[in-house]
Amino acid sequence: MTNPPGVLISAPSSGTGKTTVMLGLLRALAEDGMVVQPFKSGPDYIDPAFHRAAAGRASFNLDSWAMGPSLIGAIAAQATGADIVVAEGSMGLFDGVAKTGESGHGTSAETAQRMGWPVVLVLDVVGQAQSAAATALGFRMYNPELPFAGVILNRCASPRHERLTRLGMERAGMPVLGVLPRRGDLTLPERHLGLIQAIEHPDLEKAIVGYAAFLREHVDLEAIKRAASSGPYRQTSSALPRPPAQRIALAQDAAFSFAYPHLVEGWRAAGAEILPFSPLADEAPAKDSDLVWLPGGYPELHADRIAAAETFKTGLRAHAKTKPVHGECGGYMALGRGLIDKEGQLHPMVGLLGLVTSYEKRKFNLGYRRAELLEQMPGFSAGTALRGHEFHYSSIVEQPDAPLAKVFDAEGAEGPQTGSVRGNVTGTFFHLIAEASG
């Protein structure tokens, strides 16, 4: 099977404009009649939905810390039939963890090198000119085996600024694939976990069309197409995660939306039925579902509506009497007794767990997690090791139930976010990525 050629869009750090470049490039290439397959390197929950809106094709995460080679190959196989792959990196190109996981340190550079995708480095050149070339050269030389396509210079202030910056790049032997003038309107709305969700954007389609037009005017799309390449990575479509049940009621709305795409795709590919429902619309899960799965999201922004959703809460409680319920992060919070919002008001949640969480008492929790299950959870027996990622600001006020797992960070330090189990109900603050193979 021939792997489609691709590039990986990265940057020296977060906040350089790579997501705007990514969305504009996806749409511009699609407008040129190409079938474009997006990917996201790393454990980002939000960007894949933006990618899908821009490319018209589902985007999937690739993670060299949390995923073994077979799962990475299975996810890479989702590019079958595409003309080109465009992947977006996380954080800075070489940013990852100190201790390796299944495959590596979780860096965007590892993803690019494994897949054979040349890196397009987006450089914010505000406040510098020729000096930007030293940054670009350092990134190219840090790992000489990493394929490198060139740079896109972002937020260039003037024609003179561009000339000076190009001069430095020419001296460094660094191809310039585009120069983007500084524009204050080329930003995406953000909140405490980063970008807002795609479904919340007031006019996402208009924004993406604008990004594509901007990229088309200032970036050499043909040069990017020529630079695209791929390696001989093995595609193994049979290695996607297996479903934890046959009929899965999956909460899907603005409060519950962060389920990893490769998980849901694996469930569907194995023949499971996905039955979406909306707690915010006060919908109960399907009565004939075998499992209810509440993914992460922003329940703290919708706590009053969840508290008032009696049809949802009654239906979920009825299901939990005889069949399993699982919640991740925001879904875990909703399964608890109560949620305290940023004003300090306690909102009653479903009450299937005794958990009480607070957004008033904010605590930043971020990073990879390795969990060793003390009790079974849907799809996994006690003793299984899982890999996931945690990203939230809420803190635990009460957690009276039995712990679900021992949970460790990427460097092996054990943490207090153990998850909970009560009867048929389980919950974790980490988002499941994969079963650990070692």
Protein backbone atom coordinates (compact mmCIF):
# COMPACT_ATOMS: atom_id res chain seq x y z
CA MET A 1 0.00 0.00 0.00
CA THR A 2 1.44 3.38 -1.02
CA ASN A 3 1.42 5.99 1.72
CA PRO A 4 0.25 9.43 0.59
CA PRO A 5 2.86 12.21 0.81
CA GLY A 6 2.57 14.67 3.67
CA VAL A 7 4.00 17.57 5.64
CA LEU A 8 3.87 18.44 9.32
CA ILE A 9 3.15 22.02 10.38
CA SER A 10 5.08 22.90 13.52
CA ALA A 11 6.67 25.85 15.31
CA PRO A 12 9.25 26.71 17.96
CA SER A 13 6.48 27.16 20.55
CA SER A 14 2.76 27.49 21.06
CA GLY A 15 1.13 30.76 20.04
CA THR A 16 2.98 31.27 16.77
CA GLY A 17 -0.07 30.93 14.50
CA LYS A 18 0.41 27.36 13.31
CA THR A 19 -3.27 26.42 13.78
CA THR A 20 -4.37 29.31 11.55
CA VAL A 21 -1.79 28.22 8.96
CA MET A 22 -2.98 24.63 9.29
CA LEU A 23 -6.65 25.44 8.72
CA GLY A 24 -5.93 27.75 5.81
CA LEU A 25 -3.66 25.18 4.18
CA LEU A 26 -6.17 22.35 4.61
CA ARG A 27 -8.93 24.35 2.97
CA ALA A 28 -6.75 25.81 0.20
CA LEU A 29 -5.53 22.35 -0.82
CA ALA A 30 -9.08 21.01 -0.70
CA GLU A 31 -10.22 23.91 -2.90
CA ASP A 32 -7.54 22.80 -5.39
CA GLY A 33 -9.40 19.50 -5.71
CA MET A 34 -7.11 17.44 -3.48
CA VAL A 35 -8.29 14.88 -0.94
CA VAL A 36 -6.54 16.10 2.20
CA GLN A 37 -6.04 13.93 5.29
CA PRO A 38 -5.42 15.91 8.50
CA PHE A 39 -3.70 14.57 11.59
CA LYS A 40 -2.77 16.06 14.96
CA SER A 41 0.50 15.11 16.65
CA GLY A 42 0.04 14.80 20.38
CA PRO A 43 -2.89 14.57 22.79
CA ASP A 44 -4.91 17.61 21.68
CA TYR A 45 -8.68 17.29 22.16
CA ILE A 46 -9.87 20.36 20.28
CA ASP A 47 -7.92 20.81 17.05
CA PRO A 48 -9.15 17.66 15.23
CA ALA A 49 -12.68 19.10 15.04
CA PHE A 50 -11.32 22.28 13.45
CA HIS A 51 -9.31 20.16 11.00
CA ARG A 52 -12.41 18.24 9.98
CA ALA A 53 -14.29 21.46 9.33
CA ALA A 54 -11.46 22.73 7.11
CA ALA A 55 -10.63 19.54 5.22
CA GLY A 56 -14.01 17.80 5.11
CA ARG A 57 -12.33 14.64 6.40
CA ALA A 58 -11.95 13.29 9.94
CA SER A 59 -8.70 14.15 11.70
CA PHE A 60 -6.92 11.75 14.07
CA ASN A 61 -4.29 12.09 16.80
CA LEU A 62 -0.89 10.41 16.47
CA ASP A 63 1.02 10.14 19.74
CA SER A 64 4.48 8.63 20.03
CA TRP A 65 4.36 8.51 23.85
CA ALA A 66 0.96 6.94 24.39
CA MET A 67 0.62 4.75 21.29
CA GLY A 68 2.50 1.66 20.24
CA PRO A 69 3.66 1.16 16.64
CA SER A 70 0.68 -1.00 15.68
CA LEU A 71 -1.85 1.61 16.81
CA ILE A 72 0.09 4.39 15.08
CA GLY A 73 0.04 2.30 11.92
CA ALA A 74 -3.69 1.71 12.25
CA ILE A 75 -4.37 5.42 12.62
CA ALA A 76 -2.03 6.24 9.73
CA ALA A 77 -4.13 3.89 7.59
CA GLN A 78 -6.99 6.40 7.86
CA ALA A 79 -5.12 8.37 5.18
CA THR A 80 -5.90 5.70 2.59
CA GLY A 81 -7.35 7.38 -0.49
CA ALA A 82 -5.93 10.82 0.32
CA ASP A 83 -3.80 12.79 -2.12
CA ILE A 84 -1.82 14.54 0.62
CA VAL A 85 -1.46 14.50 4.40
CA VAL A 86 -1.19 17.67 6.45
CA ALA A 87 -0.43 17.14 10.14
CA GLU A 88 -0.29 19.74 12.89
CA GLY A 89 2.23 19.56 15.70
CA SER A 90 1.68 20.31 19.39
CA MET A 91 3.64 22.91 21.39
CA GLY A 92 7.17 23.33 20.02
CA LEU A 93 8.63 20.90 17.50
CA PHE A 94 10.88 19.09 20.00
CA ASP A 95 8.76 19.53 23.14
CA GLY A 96 7.82 16.27 24.87
CA VAL A 97 8.36 14.35 28.09
CA ALA A 98 11.61 13.18 29.65
CA LYS A 99 10.69 9.51 29.85
CA THR A 100 9.72 7.50 26.78
CA GLY A 101 6.36 5.80 26.44
CA GLU A 102 5.40 3.04 24.02
CA SER A 103 7.33 4.60 21.16
CA GLY A 104 8.99 7.84 22.22
CA HIS A 105 8.82 11.15 24.03
CA GLY A 106 5.61 12.39 22.42
CA THR A 107 7.22 15.13 20.29
CA SER A 108 5.98 16.41 16.96
CA ALA A 109 9.49 15.77 15.61
CA GLU A 110 9.11 12.06 16.40
CA THR A 111 5.82 11.95 14.52
CA ALA A 112 7.32 13.69 11.48
CA GLN A 113 10.39 11.45 11.45
CA ARG A 114 8.42 8.23 11.92
CA MET A 115 6.02 9.13 9.11
CA GLY A 116 8.59 10.69 6.80
CA TRP A 117 6.71 14.00 6.66
CA PRO A 118 8.96 17.05 6.13
CA VAL A 119 8.49 19.81 8.68
CA VAL A 120 7.11 23.21 7.72
CA LEU A 121 8.24 25.49 10.55
CA VAL A 122 5.99 28.48 11.27
CA LEU A 123 8.16 31.27 12.67
CA ASP A 124 6.74 34.35 14.38
CA VAL A 125 9.22 37.00 13.25
CA VAL A 126 7.88 39.88 15.34
CA GLY A 127 10.83 41.79 16.81
CA GLN A 128 13.52 40.11 14.71
CA ALA A 129 14.72 39.87 11.12
CA GLN A 130 17.95 38.04 10.17
CA SER A 131 18.04 36.56 13.67
CA ALA A 132 15.01 34.43 12.76
CA ALA A 133 17.33 32.45 10.48
CA ALA A 134 19.41 31.39 13.47
CA THR A 135 16.27 29.99 15.09
CA ALA A 136 15.30 28.13 11.93
CA LEU A 137 18.82 26.79 11.44
CA GLY A 138 18.95 25.60 15.03
CA PHE A 139 15.70 23.69 14.59
CA ARG A 140 16.91 22.09 11.37
CA MET A 141 20.26 21.08 12.87
CA TYR A 142 18.97 19.88 16.25
CA ASN A 143 18.08 16.56 14.60
CA PRO A 144 19.77 16.33 11.19
CA GLU A 145 17.81 13.15 10.38
CA LEU A 146 14.48 14.99 10.60
CA PRO A 147 13.14 15.89 7.13
CA PHE A 148 12.72 19.65 6.76
CA ALA A 149 10.69 21.42 4.05
CA GLY A 150 11.28 25.06 5.00
CA VAL A 151 9.69 27.93 6.89
CA ILE A 152 6.63 30.14 6.79
CA LEU A 153 7.36 33.57 8.23
CA ASN A 154 4.39 34.82 10.23
CA ARG A 155 3.45 38.35 11.36
CA CYS A 156 5.87 40.14 9.05
CA ALA A 157 5.55 43.90 9.62
CA SER A 158 6.60 45.43 6.27
CA PRO A 159 8.30 44.78 2.90
CA ARG A 160 11.60 45.86 4.46
CA HIS A 161 11.10 43.45 7.34
CA GLU A 162 10.45 40.68 4.81
CA ARG A 163 13.59 41.51 2.77
CA LEU A 164 15.83 41.41 5.84
CA THR A 165 14.31 38.19 7.13
CA ARG A 166 14.57 36.51 3.74
CA LEU A 167 18.22 37.59 3.56
CA GLY A 168 18.94 35.69 6.75
CA MET A 169 17.06 32.62 5.54
CA GLU A 170 18.98 32.67 2.25
CA ARG A 171 22.27 32.78 4.14
CA ALA A 172 21.17 29.82 6.27
CA GLY A 173 20.06 27.86 3.20
CA MET A 174 16.48 27.71 4.52
CA PRO A 175 13.66 27.65 1.93
CA VAL A 176 10.98 30.28 2.56
CA LEU A 177 7.60 28.78 1.67
CA GLY A 178 5.55 31.83 2.53
CA VAL A 179 5.48 35.20 4.29
CA LEU A 180 2.34 36.20 6.16
CA PRO A 181 1.77 39.89 6.91
CA ARG A 182 0.71 40.82 10.40
CA ARG A 183 -3.09 40.77 10.76
CA GLY A 184 -4.90 41.03 14.05
CA ASP A 185 -8.05 39.32 12.78
CA LEU A 186 -6.31 36.00 12.03
CA THR A 187 -6.80 34.54 15.48
CA LEU A 188 -9.15 31.95 16.89
CA PRO A 189 -11.16 32.61 20.08
CA GLU A 190 -9.71 30.99 23.19
CA ARG A 191 -10.69 30.05 26.75
CA HIS A 192 -9.05 28.34 29.70
CA LEU A 193 -8.29 25.04 27.89
CA GLY A 194 -7.05 26.75 24.73
CA LEU A 195 -9.22 27.26 21.66
CA ILE A 196 -12.98 27.25 21.94
CA GLN A 197 -14.60 24.18 20.44
CA ALA A 198 -15.30 24.14 16.72
CA ILE A 199 -19.04 23.82 17.31
CA GLU A 200 -18.99 27.01 19.41
CA HIS A 201 -17.24 29.24 16.85
CA PRO A 202 -19.68 31.99 15.79
CA ASP A 203 -18.86 31.58 12.07
CA LEU A 204 -16.22 28.92 11.58
CA GLU A 205 -16.81 28.41 7.86
CA LYS A 206 -16.34 32.11 7.11
CA ALA A 207 -13.15 32.15 9.19
CA ILE A 208 -11.70 29.12 7.40
CA VAL A 209 -12.52 30.55 3.98
CA GLY A 210 -10.67 33.70 5.02
CA TYR A 211 -7.65 31.75 6.24
CA ALA A 212 -7.50 29.83 2.95
CA ALA A 213 -7.63 33.02 0.88
CA PHE A 214 -4.89 34.54 3.04
CA LEU A 215 -2.66 31.46 2.69
CA ARG A 216 -3.27 31.27 -1.04
CA GLU A 217 -2.14 34.89 -1.43
CA HIS A 218 1.00 34.65 0.67
CA VAL A 219 2.19 31.01 0.64
CA ASP A 220 3.64 28.96 -2.21
CA LEU A 221 1.18 26.07 -2.19
CA GLU A 222 2.89 24.37 -5.10
CA ALA A 223 6.19 24.36 -3.22
CA ILE A 224 4.48 22.72 -0.23
CA LYS A 225 2.95 20.08 -2.49
CA ARG A 226 6.37 19.36 -3.99
CA ALA A 227 7.95 19.14 -0.55
CA ALA A 228 5.40 16.59 0.71
CA SER A 229 6.82 13.12 1.21
CA SER A 230 6.26 9.99 3.30
CA GLY A 231 8.17 7.12 4.81
CA PRO A 232 7.67 3.37 4.69
CA TYR A 233 5.62 3.19 7.89
CA ARG A 234 3.43 0.14 8.09
CA GLN A 235 -0.34 0.55 8.04
CA THR A 236 -2.19 -1.95 10.23
CA SER A 237 -5.88 -1.11 10.15
CA SER A 238 -6.84 -4.06 12.39
CA ALA A 239 -5.11 -2.51 15.43
CA LEU A 240 -7.65 0.22 16.23
CA PRO A 241 -9.12 0.00 19.76
CA ARG A 242 -11.88 -2.55 20.23
CA PRO A 243 -15.30 -1.38 21.48
CA PRO A 244 -16.13 -1.81 25.17
CA ALA A 245 -19.74 -2.73 24.29
CA GLN A 246 -21.98 -3.36 21.27
CA ARG A 247 -24.42 -0.46 21.68
CA ILE A 248 -22.70 2.61 23.11
CA ALA A 249 -24.68 5.71 24.09
CA LEU A 250 -22.17 8.53 23.61
CA ALA A 251 -22.90 12.01 25.00
CA GLN A 252 -22.21 14.62 22.31
CA ASP A 253 -22.81 18.35 22.70
CA ALA A 254 -21.02 21.54 23.78
CA ALA A 255 -20.53 20.18 27.32
CA PHE A 256 -19.36 16.68 26.33
CA SER A 257 -17.31 16.50 23.16
CA PHE A 258 -13.72 15.38 23.88
CA ALA A 259 -13.55 11.74 22.79
CA TYR A 260 -10.46 10.75 20.84
CA PRO A 261 -11.46 10.17 17.20
CA HIS A 262 -9.42 6.97 16.86
CA LEU A 263 -11.35 5.39 19.74
CA VAL A 264 -14.76 6.07 18.26
CA GLU A 265 -13.54 5.05 14.78
CA GLY A 266 -12.24 1.79 16.21
CA TRP A 267 -15.55 1.10 17.89
CA ARG A 268 -17.44 1.70 14.66
CA ALA A 269 -14.98 -0.33 12.57
CA ALA A 270 -15.52 -3.32 14.84
CA GLY A 271 -19.29 -3.11 14.38
CA ALA A 272 -20.37 -1.27 17.52
CA GLU A 273 -23.36 1.04 17.26
CA ILE A 274 -22.75 4.60 18.45
CA LEU A 275 -25.92 6.19 19.82
CA PRO A 276 -25.32 9.93 20.33
CA PHE A 277 -27.41 11.93 22.79
CA SER A 278 -27.26 15.41 24.28
CA PRO A 279 -27.42 15.97 28.04
CA LEU A 280 -27.70 19.73 27.40
CA ALA A 281 -30.87 19.07 25.36
CA ASP A 282 -32.09 16.98 28.34
CA GLU A 283 -31.96 13.75 26.35
CA ALA A 284 -31.69 10.41 28.11
CA PRO A 285 -29.35 7.75 26.77
CA ALA A 286 -31.00 5.07 24.65
CA LYS A 287 -32.73 2.56 26.90
CA ASP A 288 -31.36 -0.39 24.92
CA SER A 289 -27.74 0.79 25.06
CA ASP A 290 -25.22 -1.53 26.67
CA LEU A 291 -22.93 1.25 27.89
CA VAL A 292 -23.16 4.99 28.46
CA TRP A 293 -19.95 6.94 27.85
CA LEU A 294 -19.68 10.58 28.92
CA PRO A 295 -16.59 12.16 27.30
CA GLY A 296 -14.80 15.27 28.47
CA GLY A 297 -15.75 18.83 27.70
CA TYR A 298 -16.85 21.94 29.53
CA PRO A 299 -19.53 20.98 32.09
CA GLU A 300 -18.39 23.90 34.29
CA LEU A 301 -19.72 26.30 31.63
CA HIS A 302 -23.10 24.57 31.51
CA ALA A 303 -23.53 23.44 35.11
CA ASP A 304 -26.95 25.04 35.56
CA ARG A 305 -28.37 23.32 32.47
CA ILE A 306 -26.96 19.95 33.46
CA ALA A 307 -28.37 20.37 36.96
CA ALA A 308 -31.81 21.06 35.47
CA ALA A 309 -31.69 18.19 32.94
CA GLU A 310 -33.96 15.80 34.83
CA THR A 311 -34.74 13.53 31.86
CA PHE A 312 -31.03 13.00 31.26
CA LYS A 313 -30.22 12.41 34.92
CA THR A 314 -33.17 10.06 35.51
CA GLY A 315 -32.37 8.02 32.41
CA LEU A 316 -28.70 7.74 33.34
CA ARG A 317 -29.51 6.62 36.88
CA ALA A 318 -31.89 3.98 35.56
CA HIS A 319 -29.22 2.67 33.19
CA ALA A 320 -26.60 2.51 35.95
CA LYS A 321 -28.73 0.15 38.04
CA THR A 322 -27.93 -2.75 35.73
CA LYS A 323 -25.41 -1.60 33.09
CA PRO A 324 -22.09 0.28 33.02
CA VAL A 325 -21.55 4.04 32.84
CA HIS A 326 -18.16 5.66 32.33
CA GLY A 327 -17.12 9.31 32.39
CA GLU A 328 -13.88 11.02 31.39
CA CYS A 329 -12.81 14.38 32.82
CA GLY A 330 -15.89 16.56 32.28
CA GLY A 331 -18.01 13.43 32.08
CA TYR A 332 -16.49 12.26 35.36
CA MET A 333 -17.36 15.58 36.96
CA ALA A 334 -20.98 15.30 35.76
CA LEU A 335 -21.32 11.84 37.29
CA GLY A 336 -20.45 13.26 40.72
CA ARG A 337 -22.63 14.70 43.45
CA GLY A 338 -21.93 18.32 42.63
CA LEU A 339 -19.90 20.86 40.65
CA ILE A 340 -18.88 24.23 42.09
CA ASP A 341 -18.65 26.94 39.43
CA LYS A 342 -16.22 29.87 39.36
CA GLU A 343 -18.63 32.00 41.42
CA GLY A 344 -18.65 29.38 44.17
CA GLN A 345 -22.18 28.08 43.51
CA LEU A 346 -22.73 24.35 43.95
CA HIS A 347 -24.73 22.72 41.14
CA PRO A 348 -26.14 19.22 41.75
CA MET A 349 -24.92 16.72 39.17
CA VAL A 350 -26.09 13.17 38.45
CA GLY A 351 -24.96 11.78 41.82
CA LEU A 352 -23.89 8.32 40.65
CA LEU A 353 -20.53 9.03 42.26
CA GLY A 354 -19.82 10.99 45.44
CA LEU A 355 -17.34 13.26 43.67
CA VAL A 356 -17.56 17.02 44.21
CA THR A 357 -15.35 19.20 42.01
CA SER A 358 -14.66 22.92 42.06
CA TYR A 359 -13.83 25.35 39.32
CA GLU A 360 -13.72 28.13 41.92
CA LYS A 361 -10.63 26.48 43.41
CA ARG A 362 -8.69 26.22 40.17
CA LYS A 363 -5.72 23.91 39.90
CA PHE A 364 -3.92 23.31 36.62
CA ASN A 365 -3.62 19.59 35.83
CA LEU A 366 -1.80 18.78 32.60
CA GLY A 367 0.16 15.85 31.27
CA TYR A 368 0.33 12.24 30.18
CA ARG A 369 -0.97 9.57 32.51
CA ARG A 370 -0.31 5.87 32.96
CA ALA A 371 -3.06 4.14 34.90
CA GLU A 372 -3.00 0.69 36.49
CA LEU A 373 -6.61 -0.36 37.00
CA LEU A 374 -7.52 -1.53 40.49
CA GLU A 375 -11.06 -2.35 39.36
CA GLN A 376 -12.53 -3.14 35.97
CA MET A 377 -13.89 -0.40 33.73
CA PRO A 378 -15.77 -0.78 30.44
CA GLY A 379 -13.57 -2.67 28.00
CA PHE A 380 -10.73 -3.38 30.44
CA SER A 381 -10.23 -5.79 33.34
CA ALA A 382 -8.61 -5.01 36.68
CA GLY A 383 -4.83 -5.02 36.38
CA THR A 384 -4.80 -3.55 32.89
CA ALA A 385 -2.42 -0.64 32.26
CA LEU A 386 -3.77 2.28 30.24
CA ARG A 387 -2.22 5.39 28.74
CA GLY A 388 -4.03 8.70 28.56
CA HIS A 389 -3.80 12.43 29.02
CA GLU A 390 -5.16 14.86 31.61
CA PHE A 391 -5.94 18.53 31.03
CA HIS A 392 -8.25 20.46 33.35
CA TYR A 393 -8.39 23.26 35.90
CA SER A 394 -10.99 21.79 38.25
CA SER A 395 -9.96 20.54 41.67
CA ILE A 396 -11.44 17.74 43.77
CA VAL A 397 -13.28 18.79 46.93
CA GLU A 398 -14.70 15.38 47.86
CA GLN A 399 -13.94 11.91 46.51
CA PRO A 400 -15.49 9.32 48.86
CA ASP A 401 -15.69 6.37 46.45
CA ALA A 402 -13.16 3.60 45.92
CA PRO A 403 -10.27 4.49 43.61
CA LEU A 404 -10.45 3.08 40.10
CA ALA A 405 -6.71 3.05 39.44
CA LYS A 406 -3.22 3.96 40.48
CA VAL A 407 -2.33 6.87 38.22
CA PHE A 408 1.19 8.01 37.38
CA ASP A 409 2.56 10.90 35.33
CA ALA A 410 4.94 10.47 32.40
CA GLU A 411 7.98 10.37 34.70
CA GLY A 412 6.49 7.73 36.98
CA ALA A 413 5.35 9.90 39.90
CA GLU A 414 2.08 8.69 41.43
CA GLY A 415 -0.68 11.28 41.62
CA PRO A 416 -3.89 11.82 43.58
CA GLN A 417 -6.29 11.74 40.58
CA THR A 418 -7.17 8.05 40.96
CA GLY A 419 -10.62 8.06 39.39
CA SER A 420 -13.61 6.52 41.13
CA VAL A 421 -15.79 3.42 41.05
CA ARG A 422 -19.18 2.80 42.59
CA GLY A 423 -21.22 -0.16 41.43
CA ASN A 424 -21.57 -0.05 37.65
CA VAL A 425 -20.19 3.50 37.44
CA THR A 426 -16.58 4.46 36.77
CA GLY A 427 -14.85 7.74 36.05
CA THR A 428 -11.39 9.19 35.45
CA PHE A 429 -9.87 12.62 35.03
CA PHE A 430 -7.60 11.28 32.30
CA HIS A 431 -8.80 10.81 28.72
CA LEU A 432 -8.13 7.27 27.52
CA ILE A 433 -5.78 7.01 24.52
CA ALA A 434 -4.73 3.37 24.44
CA GLU A 435 -4.03 0.23 26.40
CA ALA A 436 -0.39 0.16 27.41
CA SER A 437 1.68 -2.64 25.93
CA GLY A 438 4.58 -2.24 28.32
